[in-house]
Amino acid sequence: MYAIVTVLTIAINVWAALADVVRAKFVLANSSELGIAPSWIPLLAALKAVGAAGLLAGLLGVRPLGVAAAAGLVLFFAGALVVHTRARVFHNIAAPGIFFALAVASLVLAVTG
């Protein structure tokens, strides 16, 4: 179960990071709606990509790095949920909620597995 959940978490974070890097239309629209300056998008992409890389390292045997990456993604997406809530942007809050839930599941499975 750890591998399946973690691979899924890696995949969606890589996808999200790539969407940020190419400045997909939905990324720019969401960032604008949340009040996030476009200059922050590369940093957010890097954080997602580093989180995914750390999860992969955890799968490949460096478990402490996987745990740290999962914890970082939990914090990252908790922050995303806070930003959505503060901006009162609820129509798409399910997206960061799913990312958050997968990061939490990856963390729990990494620690207990």
PDB file of N, CA and C in Angstrom:
ATOM      1  N   MET A   1       0.824  -1.197   0.000  1.00  0.00           N
ATOM      2  CA  MET A   1       0.000   0.000   0.000  1.00  0.00           C
ATOM      3  C   MET A   1       0.869   1.264   0.000  1.00  0.00           C
ATOM      4  N   TYR A   2       1.977   1.230   0.758  1.00  0.00           N
ATOM      5  CA  TYR A   2       2.895   2.373   0.821  1.00  0.00           C
ATOM      6  C   TYR A   2       3.361   2.759  -0.579  1.00  0.00           C
ATOM      7  N   ALA A   3       3.783   1.770  -1.356  1.00  0.00           N
ATOM      8  CA  ALA A   3       4.304   2.058  -2.696  1.00  0.00           C
ATOM      9  C   ALA A   3       3.226   2.655  -3.598  1.00  0.00           C
ATOM     10  N   ILE A   4       2.031   2.109  -3.556  1.00  0.00           N
ATOM     11  CA  ILE A   4       0.955   2.590  -4.431  1.00  0.00           C
ATOM     12  C   ILE A   4       0.596   4.037  -4.101  1.00  0.00           C
ATOM     13  N   VAL A   5       0.379   4.317  -2.838  1.00  0.00           N
ATOM     14  CA  VAL A   5      -0.009   5.671  -2.425  1.00  0.00           C
ATOM     15  C   VAL A   5       1.117   6.656  -2.718  1.00  0.00           C
ATOM     16  N   THR A   6       2.336   6.242  -2.452  1.00  0.00           N
ATOM     17  CA  THR A   6       3.471   7.149  -2.654  1.00  0.00           C
ATOM     18  C   THR A   6       3.707   7.413  -4.134  1.00  0.00           C
ATOM     19  N   VAL A   7       3.579   6.402  -4.971  1.00  0.00           N
ATOM     20  CA  VAL A   7       3.733   6.610  -6.419  1.00  0.00           C
ATOM     21  C   VAL A   7       2.647   7.565  -6.919  1.00  0.00           C
ATOM     22  N   LEU A   8       1.434   7.408  -6.434  1.00  0.00           N
ATOM     23  CA  LEU A   8       0.358   8.324  -6.821  1.00  0.00           C
ATOM     24  C   LEU A   8       0.667   9.751  -6.356  1.00  0.00           C
ATOM     25  N   THR A   9       1.164   9.886  -5.149  1.00  0.00           N
ATOM     26  CA  THR A   9       1.524  11.210  -4.624  1.00  0.00           C
ATOM     27  C   THR A   9       2.655  11.825  -5.444  1.00  0.00           C
ATOM     28  N   ILE A  10       3.635  11.007  -5.798  1.00  0.00           N
ATOM     29  CA  ILE A  10       4.727  11.492  -6.656  1.00  0.00           C
ATOM     30  C   ILE A  10       4.166  11.976  -7.990  1.00  0.00           C
ATOM     31  N   ALA A  11       3.323  11.157  -8.600  1.00  0.00           N
ATOM     32  CA  ALA A  11       2.797  11.476  -9.930  1.00  0.00           C
ATOM     33  C   ALA A  11       2.017  12.790  -9.947  1.00  0.00           C
ATOM     34  N   ILE A  12       1.148  12.991  -8.965  1.00  0.00           N
ATOM     35  CA  ILE A  12       0.346  14.223  -9.004  1.00  0.00           C
ATOM     36  C   ILE A  12       1.198  15.451  -8.696  1.00  0.00           C
ATOM     37  N   ASN A  13       2.228  15.276  -7.879  1.00  0.00           N
ATOM     38  CA  ASN A  13       3.102  16.422  -7.595  1.00  0.00           C
ATOM     39  C   ASN A  13       4.003  16.752  -8.775  1.00  0.00           C
ATOM     40  N   VAL A  14       4.458  15.737  -9.494  1.00  0.00           N
ATOM     41  CA  VAL A  14       5.236  15.992 -10.715  1.00  0.00           C
ATOM     42  C   VAL A  14       4.349  16.698 -11.734  1.00  0.00           C
ATOM     43  N   TRP A  15       3.118  16.204 -11.891  1.00  0.00           N
ATOM     44  CA  TRP A  15       2.176  16.837 -12.820  1.00  0.00           C
ATOM     45  C   TRP A  15       1.944  18.301 -12.431  1.00  0.00           C
ATOM     46  N   ALA A  16       1.711  18.553 -11.145  1.00  0.00           N
ATOM     47  CA  ALA A  16       1.450  19.915 -10.680  1.00  0.00           C
ATOM     48  C   ALA A  16       2.669  20.811 -10.872  1.00  0.00           C
ATOM     49  N   ALA A  17       3.850  20.283 -10.600  1.00  0.00           N
ATOM     50  CA  ALA A  17       5.070  21.066 -10.791  1.00  0.00           C
ATOM     51  C   ALA A  17       5.255  21.413 -12.268  1.00  0.00           C
ATOM     52  N   LEU A  18       5.001  20.454 -13.143  1.00  0.00           N
ATOM     53  CA  LEU A  18       5.126  20.719 -14.582  1.00  0.00           C
ATOM     54  C   LEU A  18       4.096  21.754 -15.033  1.00  0.00           C
ATOM     55  N   ALA A  19       2.886  21.660 -14.510  1.00  0.00           N
ATOM     56  CA  ALA A  19       1.858  22.661 -14.844  1.00  0.00           C
ATOM     57  C   ALA A  19       2.312  24.051 -14.410  1.00  0.00           C
ATOM     58  N   ASP A  20       2.962  24.125 -13.256  1.00  0.00           N
ATOM     59  CA  ASP A  20       3.497  25.411 -12.790  1.00  0.00           C
ATOM     60  C   ASP A  20       4.600  25.904 -13.722  1.00  0.00           C
ATOM     61  N   VAL A  21       5.506  25.010 -14.088  1.00  0.00           N
ATOM     62  CA  VAL A  21       6.659  25.392 -14.915  1.00  0.00           C
ATOM     63  C   VAL A  21       6.207  25.926 -16.277  1.00  0.00           C
ATOM     64  N   VAL A  22       5.216  25.272 -16.876  1.00  0.00           N
ATOM     65  CA  VAL A  22       4.748  25.721 -18.197  1.00  0.00           C
ATOM     66  C   VAL A  22       3.719  26.841 -18.078  1.00  0.00           C
ATOM     67  N   ARG A  23       3.436  27.238 -16.833  1.00  0.00           N
ATOM     68  CA  ARG A  23       2.470  28.303 -16.568  1.00  0.00           C
ATOM     69  C   ARG A  23       1.132  28.029 -17.261  1.00  0.00           C
ATOM     70  N   ALA A  24       0.616  26.850 -16.953  1.00  0.00           N
ATOM     71  CA  ALA A  24      -0.674  26.456 -17.513  1.00  0.00           C
ATOM     72  C   ALA A  24      -1.727  27.504 -17.170  1.00  0.00           C
ATOM     73  N   LYS A  25      -2.677  27.634 -18.055  1.00  0.00           N
ATOM     74  CA  LYS A  25      -3.713  28.656 -17.892  1.00  0.00           C
ATOM     75  C   LYS A  25      -4.419  28.533 -16.538  1.00  0.00           C
ATOM     76  N   PHE A  26      -4.747  27.307 -16.130  1.00  0.00           N
ATOM     77  CA  PHE A  26      -5.452  27.129 -14.860  1.00  0.00           C
ATOM     78  C   PHE A  26      -4.570  27.504 -13.676  1.00  0.00           C
ATOM     79  N   VAL A  27      -3.260  27.319 -13.792  1.00  0.00           N
ATOM     80  CA  VAL A  27      -2.339  27.698 -12.713  1.00  0.00           C
ATOM     81  C   VAL A  27      -2.343  29.222 -12.552  1.00  0.00           C
ATOM     82  N   LEU A  28      -2.240  29.921 -13.666  1.00  0.00           N
ATOM     83  CA  LEU A  28      -2.229  31.389 -13.602  1.00  0.00           C
ATOM     84  C   LEU A  28      -3.561  31.933 -13.094  1.00  0.00           C
ATOM     85  N   ALA A  29      -4.665  31.331 -13.536  1.00  0.00           N
ATOM     86  CA  ALA A  29      -5.983  31.786 -13.085  1.00  0.00           C
ATOM     87  C   ALA A  29      -6.161  31.544 -11.591  1.00  0.00           C
ATOM     88  N   ASN A  30      -5.766  30.366 -11.131  1.00  0.00           N
ATOM     89  CA  ASN A  30      -5.901  30.031  -9.710  1.00  0.00           C
ATOM     90  C   ASN A  30      -5.002  30.926  -8.861  1.00  0.00           C
ATOM     91  N   SER A  31      -3.782  31.124  -9.296  1.00  0.00           N
ATOM     92  CA  SER A  31      -2.849  31.977  -8.549  1.00  0.00           C
ATOM     93  C   SER A  31      -3.394  33.393  -8.428  1.00  0.00           C
ATOM     94  N   SER A  32      -3.926  33.906  -9.512  1.00  0.00           N
ATOM     95  CA  SER A  32      -4.493  35.253  -9.505  1.00  0.00           C
ATOM     96  C   SER A  32      -5.672  35.336  -8.540  1.00  0.00           C
ATOM     97  N   GLU A  33      -6.533  34.345  -8.590  1.00  0.00           N
ATOM     98  CA  GLU A  33      -7.706  34.335  -7.721  1.00  0.00           C
ATOM     99  C   GLU A  33      -7.316  34.268  -6.243  1.00  0.00           C
ATOM    100  N   LEU A  34      -6.206  33.586  -5.964  1.00  0.00           N
ATOM    101  CA  LEU A  34      -5.735  33.438  -4.585  1.00  0.00           C
ATOM    102  C   LEU A  34      -4.849  34.598  -4.132  1.00  0.00           C
ATOM    103  N   GLY A  35      -4.503  35.478  -5.059  1.00  0.00           N
ATOM    104  CA  GLY A  35      -3.639  36.604  -4.724  1.00  0.00           C
ATOM    105  C   GLY A  35      -2.167  36.236  -4.655  1.00  0.00           C
ATOM    106  N   ILE A  36      -1.786  35.190  -5.359  1.00  0.00           N
ATOM    107  CA  ILE A  36      -0.388  34.754  -5.384  1.00  0.00           C
ATOM    108  C   ILE A  36       0.281  35.372  -6.611  1.00  0.00           C
ATOM    109  N   ALA A  37       1.357  36.097  -6.389  1.00  0.00           N
ATOM    110  CA  ALA A  37       2.072  36.747  -7.488  1.00  0.00           C
ATOM    111  C   ALA A  37       2.685  35.695  -8.412  1.00  0.00           C
ATOM    112  N   PRO A  38       2.676  35.948  -9.710  1.00  0.00           N
ATOM    113  CA  PRO A  38       3.275  35.001 -10.657  1.00  0.00           C
ATOM    114  C   PRO A  38       4.744  34.695 -10.358  1.00  0.00           C
ATOM    115  N   SER A  39       5.422  35.618  -9.722  1.00  0.00           N
ATOM    116  CA  SER A  39       6.836  35.390  -9.394  1.00  0.00           C
ATOM    117  C   SER A  39       7.030  34.254  -8.391  1.00  0.00           C
ATOM    118  N   TRP A  40       5.977  33.873  -7.681  1.00  0.00           N
ATOM    119  CA  TRP A  40       6.063  32.773  -6.713  1.00  0.00           C
ATOM    120  C   TRP A  40       5.907  31.401  -7.363  1.00  0.00           C
ATOM    121  N   ILE A  41       5.362  31.355  -8.561  1.00  0.00           N
ATOM    122  CA  ILE A  41       5.047  30.075  -9.194  1.00  0.00           C
ATOM    123  C   ILE A  41       6.276  29.181  -9.375  1.00  0.00           C
ATOM    124  N   PRO A  42       7.428  29.693  -9.814  1.00  0.00           N
ATOM    125  CA  PRO A  42       8.592  28.796  -9.933  1.00  0.00           C
ATOM    126  C   PRO A  42       9.012  28.180  -8.596  1.00  0.00           C
ATOM    127  N   LEU A  43       8.943  28.944  -7.523  1.00  0.00           N
ATOM    128  CA  LEU A  43       9.289  28.404  -6.205  1.00  0.00           C
ATOM    129  C   LEU A  43       8.300  27.309  -5.803  1.00  0.00           C
ATOM    130  N   LEU A  44       7.030  27.544  -6.031  1.00  0.00           N
ATOM    131  CA  LEU A  44       6.020  26.543  -5.696  1.00  0.00           C
ATOM    132  C   LEU A  44       6.227  25.269  -6.520  1.00  0.00           C
ATOM    133  N   ALA A  45       6.583  25.439  -7.789  1.00  0.00           N
ATOM    134  CA  ALA A  45       6.883  24.286  -8.645  1.00  0.00           C
ATOM    135  C   ALA A  45       8.079  23.514  -8.096  1.00  0.00           C
ATOM    136  N   ALA A  46       9.104  24.240  -7.695  1.00  0.00           N
ATOM    137  CA  ALA A  46      10.309  23.590  -7.165  1.00  0.00           C
ATOM    138  C   ALA A  46      10.002  22.814  -5.888  1.00  0.00           C
ATOM    139  N   LEU A  47       9.190  23.387  -5.015  1.00  0.00           N
ATOM    140  CA  LEU A  47       8.848  22.696  -3.771  1.00  0.00           C
ATOM    141  C   LEU A  47       8.094  21.399  -4.037  1.00  0.00           C
ATOM    142  N   LYS A  48       7.162  21.438  -4.988  1.00  0.00           N
ATOM    143  CA  LYS A  48       6.429  20.221  -5.350  1.00  0.00           C
ATOM    144  C   LYS A  48       7.370  19.188  -5.955  1.00  0.00           C
ATOM    145  N   ALA A  49       8.260  19.630  -6.835  1.00  0.00           N
ATOM    146  CA  ALA A  49       9.193  18.714  -7.487  1.00  0.00           C
ATOM    147  C   ALA A  49      10.167  18.100  -6.484  1.00  0.00           C
ATOM    148  N   VAL A  50      10.671  18.903  -5.573  1.00  0.00           N
ATOM    149  CA  VAL A  50      11.590  18.395  -4.544  1.00  0.00           C
ATOM    150  C   VAL A  50      10.864  17.412  -3.628  1.00  0.00           C
ATOM    151  N   GLY A  51       9.617  17.719  -3.299  1.00  0.00           N
ATOM    152  CA  GLY A  51       8.828  16.791  -2.499  1.00  0.00           C
ATOM    153  C   GLY A  51       8.664  15.457  -3.202  1.00  0.00           C
ATOM    154  N   ALA A  52       8.347  15.501  -4.491  1.00  0.00           N
ATOM    155  CA  ALA A  52       8.194  14.269  -5.270  1.00  0.00           C
ATOM    156  C   ALA A  52       9.506  13.495  -5.335  1.00  0.00           C
ATOM    157  N   ALA A  53      10.612  14.209  -5.528  1.00  0.00           N
ATOM    158  CA  ALA A  53      11.924  13.550  -5.584  1.00  0.00           C
ATOM    159  C   ALA A  53      12.266  12.893  -4.245  1.00  0.00           C
ATOM    160  N   GLY A  54      11.950  13.569  -3.161  1.00  0.00           N
ATOM    161  CA  GLY A  54      12.198  12.998  -1.840  1.00  0.00           C
ATOM    162  C   GLY A  54      11.352  11.760  -1.585  1.00  0.00           C
ATOM    163  N   LEU A  55      10.100  11.793  -2.034  1.00  0.00           N
ATOM    164  CA  LEU A  55       9.251  10.600  -1.907  1.00  0.00           C
ATOM    165  C   LEU A  55       9.844   9.437  -2.705  1.00  0.00           C
ATOM    166  N   LEU A  56      10.340   9.744  -3.889  1.00  0.00           N
ATOM    167  CA  LEU A  56      10.963   8.701  -4.708  1.00  0.00           C
ATOM    168  C   LEU A  56      12.193   8.137  -4.003  1.00  0.00           C
ATOM    169  N   ALA A  57      12.993   8.991  -3.418  1.00  0.00           N
ATOM    170  CA  ALA A  57      14.163   8.521  -2.666  1.00  0.00           C
ATOM    171  C   ALA A  57      13.729   7.600  -1.527  1.00  0.00           C
ATOM    172  N   GLY A  58      12.642   7.947  -0.878  1.00  0.00           N
ATOM    173  CA  GLY A  58      12.109   7.103   0.182  1.00  0.00           C
ATOM    174  C   GLY A  58      11.707   5.732  -0.331  1.00  0.00           C
ATOM    175  N   LEU A  59      11.086   5.705  -1.500  1.00  0.00           N
ATOM    176  CA  LEU A  59      10.704   4.423  -2.101  1.00  0.00           C
ATOM    177  C   LEU A  59      11.916   3.591  -2.480  1.00  0.00           C
ATOM    178  N   LEU A  60      12.994   4.272  -2.829  1.00  0.00           N
ATOM    179  CA  LEU A  60      14.206   3.582  -3.270  1.00  0.00           C
ATOM    180  C   LEU A  60      15.125   3.204  -2.116  1.00  0.00           C
ATOM    181  N   GLY A  61      14.665   3.415  -0.891  1.00  0.00           N
ATOM    182  CA  GLY A  61      15.422   2.929   0.249  1.00  0.00           C
ATOM    183  C   GLY A  61      15.930   3.958   1.227  1.00  0.00           C
ATOM    184  N   VAL A  62      15.827   5.222   0.892  1.00  0.00           N
ATOM    185  CA  VAL A  62      16.274   6.269   1.820  1.00  0.00           C
ATOM    186  C   VAL A  62      15.032   6.741   2.581  1.00  0.00           C
ATOM    187  N   ARG A  63      14.532   5.883   3.446  1.00  0.00           N
ATOM    188  CA  ARG A  63      13.246   6.109   4.124  1.00  0.00           C
ATOM    189  C   ARG A  63      13.202   7.436   4.869  1.00  0.00           C
ATOM    190  N   PRO A  64      14.263   7.854   5.599  1.00  0.00           N
ATOM    191  CA  PRO A  64      14.169   9.143   6.302  1.00  0.00           C
ATOM    192  C   PRO A  64      13.927  10.326   5.353  1.00  0.00           C
ATOM    193  N   LEU A  65      14.493  10.263   4.170  1.00  0.00           N
ATOM    194  CA  LEU A  65      14.265  11.330   3.198  1.00  0.00           C
ATOM    195  C   LEU A  65      12.820  11.295   2.698  1.00  0.00           C
ATOM    196  N   GLY A  66      12.287  10.108   2.513  1.00  0.00           N
ATOM    197  CA  GLY A  66      10.891   9.974   2.119  1.00  0.00           C
ATOM    198  C   GLY A  66       9.952  10.522   3.181  1.00  0.00           C
ATOM    199  N   VAL A  67      10.264  10.234   4.431  1.00  0.00           N
ATOM    200  CA  VAL A  67       9.447  10.751   5.538  1.00  0.00           C
ATOM    201  C   VAL A  67       9.517  12.283   5.573  1.00  0.00           C
ATOM    202  N   ALA A  68      10.712  12.824   5.432  1.00  0.00           N
ATOM    203  CA  ALA A  68      10.879  14.281   5.444  1.00  0.00           C
ATOM    204  C   ALA A  68      10.145  14.929   4.268  1.00  0.00           C
ATOM    205  N   ALA A  69      10.227  14.317   3.103  1.00  0.00           N
ATOM    206  CA  ALA A  69       9.542  14.856   1.923  1.00  0.00           C
ATOM    207  C   ALA A  69       8.033  14.821   2.112  1.00  0.00           C
ATOM    208  N   ALA A  70       7.531  13.706   2.632  1.00  0.00           N
ATOM    209  CA  ALA A  70       6.088  13.601   2.881  1.00  0.00           C
ATOM    210  C   ALA A  70       5.647  14.652   3.889  1.00  0.00           C
ATOM    211  N   ALA A  71       6.421  14.847   4.943  1.00  0.00           N
ATOM    212  CA  ALA A  71       6.081  15.870   5.943  1.00  0.00           C
ATOM    213  C   ALA A  71       6.100  17.258   5.316  1.00  0.00           C
ATOM    214  N   GLY A  72       7.078  17.505   4.470  1.00  0.00           N
ATOM    215  CA  GLY A  72       7.139  18.793   3.780  1.00  0.00           C
ATOM    216  C   GLY A  72       5.926  19.025   2.898  1.00  0.00           C
ATOM    217  N   LEU A  73       5.493  17.997   2.188  1.00  0.00           N
ATOM    218  CA  LEU A  73       4.310  18.134   1.338  1.00  0.00           C
ATOM    219  C   LEU A  73       3.045  18.314   2.168  1.00  0.00           C
ATOM    220  N   VAL A  74       2.983  17.654   3.317  1.00  0.00           N
ATOM    221  CA  VAL A  74       1.832  17.865   4.211  1.00  0.00           C
ATOM    222  C   VAL A  74       1.769  19.345   4.599  1.00  0.00           C
ATOM    223  N   LEU A  75       2.891  19.909   5.005  1.00  0.00           N
ATOM    224  CA  LEU A  75       2.923  21.320   5.387  1.00  0.00           C
ATOM    225  C   LEU A  75       2.594  22.231   4.205  1.00  0.00           C
ATOM    226  N   PHE A  76       3.157  21.905   3.043  1.00  0.00           N
ATOM    227  CA  PHE A  76       2.920  22.700   1.839  1.00  0.00           C
ATOM    228  C   PHE A  76       1.426  22.764   1.524  1.00  0.00           C
ATOM    229  N   PHE A  77       0.781  21.594   1.500  1.00  0.00           N
ATOM    230  CA  PHE A  77      -0.628  21.576   1.112  1.00  0.00           C
ATOM    231  C   PHE A  77      -1.553  22.026   2.245  1.00  0.00           C
ATOM    232  N   ALA A  78      -1.115  21.930   3.486  1.00  0.00           N
ATOM    233  CA  ALA A  78      -1.868  22.559   4.577  1.00  0.00           C
ATOM    234  C   ALA A  78      -1.865  24.067   4.354  1.00  0.00           C
ATOM    235  N   GLY A  79      -0.718  24.590   3.959  1.00  0.00           N
ATOM    236  CA  GLY A  79      -0.625  26.011   3.624  1.00  0.00           C
ATOM    237  C   GLY A  79      -1.521  26.378   2.462  1.00  0.00           C
ATOM    238  N   ALA A  80      -1.594  25.521   1.461  1.00  0.00           N
ATOM    239  CA  ALA A  80      -2.473  25.783   0.310  1.00  0.00           C
ATOM    240  C   ALA A  80      -3.939  25.839   0.751  1.00  0.00           C
ATOM    241  N   LEU A  81      -4.305  24.944   1.658  1.00  0.00           N
ATOM    242  CA  LEU A  81      -5.681  24.959   2.167  1.00  0.00           C
ATOM    243  C   LEU A  81      -5.964  26.245   2.951  1.00  0.00           C
ATOM    244  N   VAL A  82      -4.984  26.697   3.709  1.00  0.00           N
ATOM    245  CA  VAL A  82      -5.135  27.956   4.455  1.00  0.00           C
ATOM    246  C   VAL A  82      -5.283  29.129   3.483  1.00  0.00           C
ATOM    247  N   VAL A  83      -4.461  29.145   2.450  1.00  0.00           N
ATOM    248  CA  VAL A  83      -4.530  30.238   1.470  1.00  0.00           C
ATOM    249  C   VAL A  83      -5.907  30.252   0.795  1.00  0.00           C
ATOM    250  N   HIS A  84      -6.397  29.082   0.402  1.00  0.00           N
ATOM    251  CA  HIS A  84      -7.730  29.003  -0.209  1.00  0.00           C
ATOM    252  C   HIS A  84      -8.803  29.524   0.754  1.00  0.00           C
ATOM    253  N   THR A  85      -8.689  29.119   2.007  1.00  0.00           N
ATOM    254  CA  THR A  85      -9.687  29.524   2.998  1.00  0.00           C
ATOM    255  C   THR A  85      -9.634  31.029   3.251  1.00  0.00           C
ATOM    256  N   ARG A  86      -8.430  31.554   3.419  1.00  0.00           N
ATOM    257  CA  ARG A  86      -8.296  33.001   3.671  1.00  0.00           C
ATOM    258  C   ARG A  86      -8.806  33.829   2.504  1.00  0.00           C
ATOM    259  N   ALA A  87      -8.594  33.320   1.274  1.00  0.00           N
ATOM    260  CA  ALA A  87      -9.052  34.038   0.083  1.00  0.00           C
ATOM    261  C   ALA A  87     -10.524  33.751  -0.226  1.00  0.00           C
ATOM    262  N   ARG A  88     -11.106  32.848   0.551  1.00  0.00           N
ATOM    263  CA  ARG A  88     -12.503  32.437   0.349  1.00  0.00           C
ATOM    264  C   ARG A  88     -12.729  31.884  -1.057  1.00  0.00           C
ATOM    265  N   VAL A  89     -11.760  31.109  -1.517  1.00  0.00           N
ATOM    266  CA  VAL A  89     -11.850  30.442  -2.819  1.00  0.00           C
ATOM    267  C   VAL A  89     -12.113  28.970  -2.530  1.00  0.00           C
ATOM    268  N   PHE A  90     -13.377  28.622  -2.574  1.00  0.00           N
ATOM    269  CA  PHE A  90     -13.781  27.272  -2.188  1.00  0.00           C
ATOM    270  C   PHE A  90     -14.197  26.390  -3.360  1.00  0.00           C
ATOM    271  N   HIS A  91     -14.394  26.992  -4.526  1.00  0.00           N
ATOM    272  CA  HIS A  91     -14.885  26.206  -5.655  1.00  0.00           C
ATOM    273  C   HIS A  91     -13.886  25.148  -6.122  1.00  0.00           C
ATOM    274  N   ASN A  92     -12.619  25.336  -5.821  1.00  0.00           N
ATOM    275  CA  ASN A  92     -11.610  24.363  -6.240  1.00  0.00           C
ATOM    276  C   ASN A  92     -10.727  23.898  -5.071  1.00  0.00           C
ATOM    277  N   ILE A  93     -11.246  24.022  -3.863  1.00  0.00           N
ATOM    278  CA  ILE A  93     -10.464  23.634  -2.685  1.00  0.00           C
ATOM    279  C   ILE A  93     -10.253  22.117  -2.607  1.00  0.00           C
ATOM    280  N   ALA A  94     -11.047  21.369  -3.345  1.00  0.00           N
ATOM    281  CA  ALA A  94     -10.876  19.911  -3.345  1.00  0.00           C
ATOM    282  C   ALA A  94      -9.501  19.512  -3.881  1.00  0.00           C
ATOM    283  N   ALA A  95      -8.976  20.275  -4.824  1.00  0.00           N
ATOM    284  CA  ALA A  95      -7.667  19.927  -5.407  1.00  0.00           C
ATOM    285  C   ALA A  95      -6.563  19.929  -4.341  1.00  0.00           C
ATOM    286  N   PRO A  96      -6.345  21.039  -3.627  1.00  0.00           N
ATOM    287  CA  PRO A  96      -5.319  20.970  -2.586  1.00  0.00           C
ATOM    288  C   PRO A  96      -5.698  19.992  -1.475  1.00  0.00           C
ATOM    289  N   GLY A  97      -6.999  19.776  -1.279  1.00  0.00           N
ATOM    290  CA  GLY A  97      -7.433  18.791  -0.281  1.00  0.00           C
ATOM    291  C   GLY A  97      -6.997  17.386  -0.643  1.00  0.00           C
ATOM    292  N   ILE A  98      -7.097  17.053  -1.926  1.00  0.00           N
ATOM    293  CA  ILE A  98      -6.655  15.731  -2.394  1.00  0.00           C
ATOM    294  C   ILE A  98      -5.142  15.600  -2.272  1.00  0.00           C
ATOM    295  N   PHE A  99      -4.424  16.632  -2.677  1.00  0.00           N
ATOM    296  CA  PHE A  99      -2.967  16.614  -2.554  1.00  0.00           C
ATOM    297  C   PHE A  99      -2.554  16.456  -1.090  1.00  0.00           C
ATOM    298  N   PHE A 100      -3.246  17.186  -0.218  1.00  0.00           N
ATOM    299  CA  PHE A 100      -2.966  17.113   1.216  1.00  0.00           C
ATOM    300  C   PHE A 100      -3.225  15.707   1.746  1.00  0.00           C
ATOM    301  N   ALA A 101      -4.370  15.138   1.394  1.00  0.00           N
ATOM    302  CA  ALA A 101      -4.719  13.800   1.869  1.00  0.00           C
ATOM    303  C   ALA A 101      -3.709  12.760   1.401  1.00  0.00           C
ATOM    304  N   LEU A 102      -3.265  12.858   0.163  1.00  0.00           N
ATOM    305  CA  LEU A 102      -2.264  11.914  -0.341  1.00  0.00           C
ATOM    306  C   LEU A 102      -0.918  12.103   0.363  1.00  0.00           C
ATOM    307  N   ALA A 103      -0.553  13.348   0.634  1.00  0.00           N
ATOM    308  CA  ALA A 103       0.699  13.604   1.354  1.00  0.00           C
ATOM    309  C   ALA A 103       0.612  13.029   2.768  1.00  0.00           C
ATOM    310  N   VAL A 104      -0.534  13.217   3.446  1.00  0.00           N
ATOM    311  CA  VAL A 104      -0.723  12.666   4.777  1.00  0.00           C
ATOM    312  C   VAL A 104      -0.635  11.144   4.735  1.00  0.00           C
ATOM    313  N   ALA A 105      -1.321  10.544   3.764  1.00  0.00           N
ATOM    314  CA  ALA A 105      -1.280   9.081   3.640  1.00  0.00           C
ATOM    315  C   ALA A 105       0.136   8.593   3.376  1.00  0.00           C
ATOM    316  N   SER A 106       0.868   9.279   2.532  1.00  0.00           N
ATOM    317  CA  SER A 106       2.255   8.897   2.260  1.00  0.00           C
ATOM    318  C   SER A 106       3.103   8.997   3.512  1.00  0.00           C
ATOM    319  N   LEU A 107       2.881  10.057   4.291  1.00  0.00           N
ATOM    320  CA  LEU A 107       3.631  10.234   5.525  1.00  0.00           C
ATOM    321  C   LEU A 107       3.317   9.124   6.527  1.00  0.00           C
ATOM    322  N   VAL A 108       2.051   8.866   6.741  1.00  0.00           N
ATOM    323  CA  VAL A 108       1.649   7.840   7.698  1.00  0.00           C
ATOM    324  C   VAL A 108       2.202   6.481   7.276  1.00  0.00           C
ATOM    325  N   LEU A 109       2.082   6.156   6.003  1.00  0.00           N
ATOM    326  CA  LEU A 109       2.571   4.848   5.542  1.00  0.00           C
ATOM    327  C   LEU A 109       4.103   4.768   5.592  1.00  0.00           C
ATOM    328  N   ALA A 110       4.779   5.880   5.341  1.00  0.00           N
ATOM    329  CA  ALA A 110       6.245   5.877   5.419  1.00  0.00           C
ATOM    330  C   ALA A 110       6.710   5.668   6.849  1.00  0.00           C
ATOM    331  N   VAL A 111       6.005   6.263   7.795  1.00  0.00           N
ATOM    332  CA  VAL A 111       6.406   6.173   9.197  1.00  0.00           C
ATOM    333  C   VAL A 111       6.050   4.796   9.783  1.00  0.00           C
ATOM    334  N   THR A 112       4.905   4.278   9.394  1.00  0.00           N
ATOM    335  CA  THR A 112       4.442   3.014   9.976  1.00  0.00           C
ATOM    336  C   THR A 112       4.880   1.787   9.193  1.00  0.00           C
ATOM    337  N   GLY A 113       5.328   2.005   7.953  1.00  0.00           N
ATOM    338  CA  GLY A 113       5.650   0.855   7.089  1.00  0.00           C
ATOM    339  C   GLY A 113       6.990   0.366   7.177  1.00  0.00           C
TER     340      GLY A 113
END
